[in-house]
Amino acid sequence: MKKIEYKNKKAFFKFEFIEKYTAGIVLTGTEIKSIRDGKINFTDSYCVFKENELWVTSVHISEYSLGTCNNHDPKRDRKLLLNRKELNKLQKKVAEKGLTIVPVSLFLNEAGIAKMEIALARGKKLHDKREDIKDRDTKRDLDRTKKMK
């Protein structure tokens, strides 16, 4: 079985990660088939607490092409599965100013079960983003010079 993993590239640029967690995600049959086909988009997704449960919002999983009238809604909110202890800890941290929970990646484990890696994050300031861009450019230039030698 090939390894399937999708990353939220924008989250790495926009946020500074404080803590990471691996959570199960509640999906329907057509959703998991679409994920295996690579039809997932993390753009502007985030996690929110509803009635002491953690839900991921704005993750777009396209409808399954071979699905029938029982196909899923692509933009629906999906429940994340974590221990109560972890949920309580995250809920307290999110109450602090400036912290949020963002999905970092979605992958299938060895058993074929979908898991989502989420992170407690703080938004980066403009100067932090500029430093990241500068570091990335210098690394790229160094790699180019090594290849030329």
C-alpha atoms as a PDB file:
ATOM      1  CA  MET A   1       0.000   0.000   0.000  1.00  0.00           C
ATOM      2  CA  LYS A   2       1.466   3.354  -1.022  1.00  0.00           C
ATOM      3  CA  LYS A   3       1.878   6.072   1.576  1.00  0.00           C
ATOM      4  CA  ILE A   4      -0.728   8.825   1.291  1.00  0.00           C
ATOM      5  CA  GLU A   5      -0.052  12.157   3.001  1.00  0.00           C
ATOM      6  CA  TYR A   6      -1.291  15.673   2.281  1.00  0.00           C
ATOM      7  CA  LYS A   7       0.229  18.757   3.910  1.00  0.00           C
ATOM      8  CA  ASN A   8      -1.242  22.179   4.596  1.00  0.00           C
ATOM      9  CA  LYS A   9       1.598  24.209   3.088  1.00  0.00           C
ATOM     10  CA  LYS A  10       0.005  27.571   3.886  1.00  0.00           C
ATOM     11  CA  ALA A  11      -0.104  26.727   7.598  1.00  0.00           C
ATOM     12  CA  PHE A  12       3.673  26.291   7.679  1.00  0.00           C
ATOM     13  CA  PHE A  13       4.052  29.793   6.245  1.00  0.00           C
ATOM     14  CA  LYS A  14       1.343  31.598   8.238  1.00  0.00           C
ATOM     15  CA  PHE A  15       1.750  29.993  11.675  1.00  0.00           C
ATOM     16  CA  GLU A  16       4.356  29.124  14.259  1.00  0.00           C
ATOM     17  CA  PHE A  17       3.536  25.702  15.721  1.00  0.00           C
ATOM     18  CA  ILE A  18       3.657  25.291  19.495  1.00  0.00           C
ATOM     19  CA  GLU A  19       2.366  21.728  20.004  1.00  0.00           C
ATOM     20  CA  LYS A  20       1.307  19.017  17.548  1.00  0.00           C
ATOM     21  CA  TYR A  21      -1.295  16.290  18.033  1.00  0.00           C
ATOM     22  CA  THR A  22      -2.464  13.365  15.928  1.00  0.00           C
ATOM     23  CA  ALA A  23      -6.243  13.013  15.848  1.00  0.00           C
ATOM     24  CA  GLY A  24      -8.633  10.589  14.244  1.00  0.00           C
ATOM     25  CA  ILE A  25     -11.196  12.070  11.875  1.00  0.00           C
ATOM     26  CA  VAL A  26     -14.792  10.951  11.329  1.00  0.00           C
ATOM     27  CA  LEU A  27     -15.365  10.380   7.596  1.00  0.00           C
ATOM     28  CA  THR A  28     -17.975   8.759   5.383  1.00  0.00           C
ATOM     29  CA  GLY A  29     -17.174   6.079   2.801  1.00  0.00           C
ATOM     30  CA  THR A  30     -17.115   8.411  -0.190  1.00  0.00           C
ATOM     31  CA  GLU A  31     -14.860  10.874   1.678  1.00  0.00           C
ATOM     32  CA  ILE A  32     -12.134   8.296   2.316  1.00  0.00           C
ATOM     33  CA  LYS A  33     -12.283   7.232  -1.339  1.00  0.00           C
ATOM     34  CA  SER A  34     -11.846  10.856  -2.446  1.00  0.00           C
ATOM     35  CA  ILE A  35      -8.880  11.237  -0.081  1.00  0.00           C
ATOM     36  CA  ARG A  36      -7.256   8.157  -1.610  1.00  0.00           C
ATOM     37  CA  ASP A  37      -7.779   9.799  -5.028  1.00  0.00           C
ATOM     38  CA  GLY A  38      -6.024  12.965  -3.767  1.00  0.00           C
ATOM     39  CA  LYS A  39      -9.088  15.239  -3.891  1.00  0.00           C
ATOM     40  CA  ILE A  40      -8.459  17.274  -0.732  1.00  0.00           C
ATOM     41  CA  ASN A  41      -7.779  20.976  -0.135  1.00  0.00           C
ATOM     42  CA  PHE A  42      -6.715  22.532   3.193  1.00  0.00           C
ATOM     43  CA  THR A  43      -6.892  26.198   2.146  1.00  0.00           C
ATOM     44  CA  ASP A  44      -8.110  28.411   5.021  1.00  0.00           C
ATOM     45  CA  SER A  45      -9.075  25.458   7.208  1.00  0.00           C
ATOM     46  CA  TYR A  46      -9.074  25.654  11.000  1.00  0.00           C
ATOM     47  CA  CYS A  47     -10.374  23.791  14.059  1.00  0.00           C
ATOM     48  CA  VAL A  48     -13.095  24.988  16.408  1.00  0.00           C
ATOM     49  CA  PHE A  49     -14.723  23.696  19.599  1.00  0.00           C
ATOM     50  CA  LYS A  50     -18.482  22.982  19.503  1.00  0.00           C
ATOM     51  CA  GLU A  51     -20.053  21.597  22.684  1.00  0.00           C
ATOM     52  CA  ASN A  52     -16.675  20.435  24.073  1.00  0.00           C
ATOM     53  CA  GLU A  53     -15.865  18.531  20.860  1.00  0.00           C
ATOM     54  CA  LEU A  54     -13.220  19.513  18.312  1.00  0.00           C
ATOM     55  CA  TRP A  55     -14.355  20.010  14.703  1.00  0.00           C
ATOM     56  CA  VAL A  56     -12.316  20.855  11.619  1.00  0.00           C
ATOM     57  CA  THR A  57     -13.891  23.470   9.330  1.00  0.00           C
ATOM     58  CA  SER A  58     -13.309  24.427   5.678  1.00  0.00           C
ATOM     59  CA  VAL A  59     -11.442  21.287   4.614  1.00  0.00           C
ATOM     60  CA  HIS A  60     -12.677  20.657   1.084  1.00  0.00           C
ATOM     61  CA  ILE A  61     -12.896  16.956   0.177  1.00  0.00           C
ATOM     62  CA  SER A  62     -14.302  16.744  -3.353  1.00  0.00           C
ATOM     63  CA  GLU A  63     -17.243  14.490  -4.100  1.00  0.00           C
ATOM     64  CA  TYR A  64     -16.299  10.970  -5.138  1.00  0.00           C
ATOM     65  CA  SER A  65     -16.560  10.669  -8.914  1.00  0.00           C
ATOM     66  CA  LEU A  66     -18.205   7.221  -8.782  1.00  0.00           C
ATOM     67  CA  GLY A  67     -20.488   8.145  -5.874  1.00  0.00           C
ATOM     68  CA  THR A  68     -24.272   7.986  -6.144  1.00  0.00           C
ATOM     69  CA  CYS A  69     -26.908  10.272  -4.705  1.00  0.00           C
ATOM     70  CA  ASN A  70     -25.480   9.349  -1.274  1.00  0.00           C
ATOM     71  CA  ASN A  71     -22.321  11.385  -1.936  1.00  0.00           C
ATOM     72  CA  HIS A  72     -21.048  13.688   0.845  1.00  0.00           C
ATOM     73  CA  ASP A  73     -21.106  17.480   1.136  1.00  0.00           C
ATOM     74  CA  PRO A  74     -17.561  18.653   0.220  1.00  0.00           C
ATOM     75  CA  LYS A  75     -17.361  21.518   2.772  1.00  0.00           C
ATOM     76  CA  ARG A  76     -19.034  19.904   5.777  1.00  0.00           C
ATOM     77  CA  ASP A  77     -17.501  20.141   9.252  1.00  0.00           C
ATOM     78  CA  ARG A  78     -15.801  16.947  10.375  1.00  0.00           C
ATOM     79  CA  LYS A  79     -15.344  15.774  13.946  1.00  0.00           C
ATOM     80  CA  LEU A  80     -11.837  15.129  15.273  1.00  0.00           C
ATOM     81  CA  LEU A  81     -11.201  12.379  17.794  1.00  0.00           C
ATOM     82  CA  LEU A  82      -8.856  13.092  20.704  1.00  0.00           C
ATOM     83  CA  ASN A  83      -8.660  12.034  24.346  1.00  0.00           C
ATOM     84  CA  ARG A  84     -10.700  14.127  26.788  1.00  0.00           C
ATOM     85  CA  LYS A  85      -7.474  15.153  28.559  1.00  0.00           C
ATOM     86  CA  GLU A  86      -6.018  16.493  25.294  1.00  0.00           C
ATOM     87  CA  LEU A  87      -9.294  18.242  24.401  1.00  0.00           C
ATOM     88  CA  ASN A  88      -9.438  20.008  27.769  1.00  0.00           C
ATOM     89  CA  LYS A  89      -5.806  21.101  27.450  1.00  0.00           C
ATOM     90  CA  LEU A  90      -6.387  22.475  23.932  1.00  0.00           C
ATOM     91  CA  GLN A  91      -9.578  24.248  24.959  1.00  0.00           C
ATOM     92  CA  LYS A  92      -7.771  26.068  27.770  1.00  0.00           C
ATOM     93  CA  LYS A  93      -4.902  27.084  25.468  1.00  0.00           C
ATOM     94  CA  VAL A  94      -7.233  28.366  22.712  1.00  0.00           C
ATOM     95  CA  ALA A  95      -8.943  30.602  25.273  1.00  0.00           C
ATOM     96  CA  GLU A  96      -5.629  32.467  25.507  1.00  0.00           C
ATOM     97  CA  LYS A  97      -5.226  35.391  23.166  1.00  0.00           C
ATOM     98  CA  GLY A  98      -3.600  34.733  19.796  1.00  0.00           C
ATOM     99  CA  LEU A  99      -3.645  30.918  19.759  1.00  0.00           C
ATOM    100  CA  THR A 100      -5.589  28.763  17.317  1.00  0.00           C
ATOM    101  CA  ILE A 101      -5.710  25.155  16.162  1.00  0.00           C
ATOM    102  CA  VAL A 102      -4.874  24.457  12.513  1.00  0.00           C
ATOM    103  CA  PRO A 103      -4.728  21.207  10.541  1.00  0.00           C
ATOM    104  CA  VAL A 104      -1.166  20.510   9.451  1.00  0.00           C
ATOM    105  CA  SER A 105      -1.504  17.272   7.486  1.00  0.00           C
ATOM    106  CA  LEU A 106      -3.812  14.378   6.720  1.00  0.00           C
ATOM    107  CA  PHE A 107      -2.450  10.876   6.245  1.00  0.00           C
ATOM    108  CA  LEU A 108      -3.456   7.218   6.230  1.00  0.00           C
ATOM    109  CA  ASN A 109      -1.758   5.046   8.843  1.00  0.00           C
ATOM    110  CA  GLU A 110      -0.594   1.448   8.328  1.00  0.00           C
ATOM    111  CA  ALA A 111      -4.119   0.122   8.868  1.00  0.00           C
ATOM    112  CA  GLY A 112      -5.537   2.500   6.237  1.00  0.00           C
ATOM    113  CA  ILE A 113      -7.280   4.718   8.800  1.00  0.00           C
ATOM    114  CA  ALA A 114      -7.312   8.472   8.137  1.00  0.00           C
ATOM    115  CA  LYS A 115      -5.550  10.594  10.749  1.00  0.00           C
ATOM    116  CA  MET A 116      -5.132  14.345  10.873  1.00  0.00           C
ATOM    117  CA  GLU A 117      -2.164  16.062  12.434  1.00  0.00           C
ATOM    118  CA  ILE A 118      -3.252  19.302  14.097  1.00  0.00           C
ATOM    119  CA  ALA A 119      -1.170  21.968  15.786  1.00  0.00           C
ATOM    120  CA  LEU A 120      -1.708  24.591  18.422  1.00  0.00           C
ATOM    121  CA  ALA A 121      -0.365  27.623  16.604  1.00  0.00           C
ATOM    122  CA  ARG A 122       0.320  31.325  16.859  1.00  0.00           C
ATOM    123  CA  GLY A 123       0.124  33.555  13.798  1.00  0.00           C
ATOM    124  CA  LYS A 124       3.418  34.846  12.449  1.00  0.00           C
ATOM    125  CA  LYS A 125       4.094  38.532  12.088  1.00  0.00           C
ATOM    126  CA  LEU A 126       5.160  40.001   8.744  1.00  0.00           C
ATOM    127  CA  HIS A 127       8.833  40.209   9.729  1.00  0.00           C
ATOM    128  CA  ASP A 128       8.816  36.513  10.723  1.00  0.00           C
ATOM    129  CA  LYS A 129       7.455  35.593   7.299  1.00  0.00           C
ATOM    130  CA  ARG A 130      10.158  37.686   5.641  1.00  0.00           C
ATOM    131  CA  GLU A 131      12.839  35.884   7.660  1.00  0.00           C
ATOM    132  CA  ASP A 132      11.445  32.523   6.540  1.00  0.00           C
ATOM    133  CA  ILE A 133      11.525  33.616   2.909  1.00  0.00           C
ATOM    134  CA  LYS A 134      15.102  34.878   3.309  1.00  0.00           C
ATOM    135  CA  ASP A 135      16.223  31.619   4.963  1.00  0.00           C
ATOM    136  CA  ARG A 136      14.590  29.563   2.236  1.00  0.00           C
ATOM    137  CA  ASP A 137      16.270  31.627  -0.503  1.00  0.00           C
ATOM    138  CA  THR A 138      19.734  31.343   1.062  1.00  0.00           C
ATOM    139  CA  LYS A 139      19.296  27.583   1.492  1.00  0.00           C
ATOM    140  CA  ARG A 140      18.286  27.272  -2.148  1.00  0.00           C
ATOM    141  CA  ASP A 141      21.323  29.309  -3.256  1.00  0.00           C
ATOM    142  CA  LEU A 142      23.652  27.135  -1.165  1.00  0.00           C
ATOM    143  CA  ASP A 143      22.146  23.983  -2.668  1.00  0.00           C
ATOM    144  CA  ARG A 144      22.681  25.388  -6.173  1.00  0.00           C
ATOM    145  CA  THR A 145      26.340  26.181  -5.490  1.00  0.00           C
ATOM    146  CA  LYS A 146      26.915  22.667  -4.094  1.00  0.00           C
ATOM    147  CA  LYS A 147      25.423  21.113  -7.247  1.00  0.00           C
ATOM    148  CA  MET A 148      27.640  23.236  -9.492  1.00  0.00           C
ATOM    149  CA  LYS A 149      30.846  22.021  -7.805  1.00  0.00           C
END
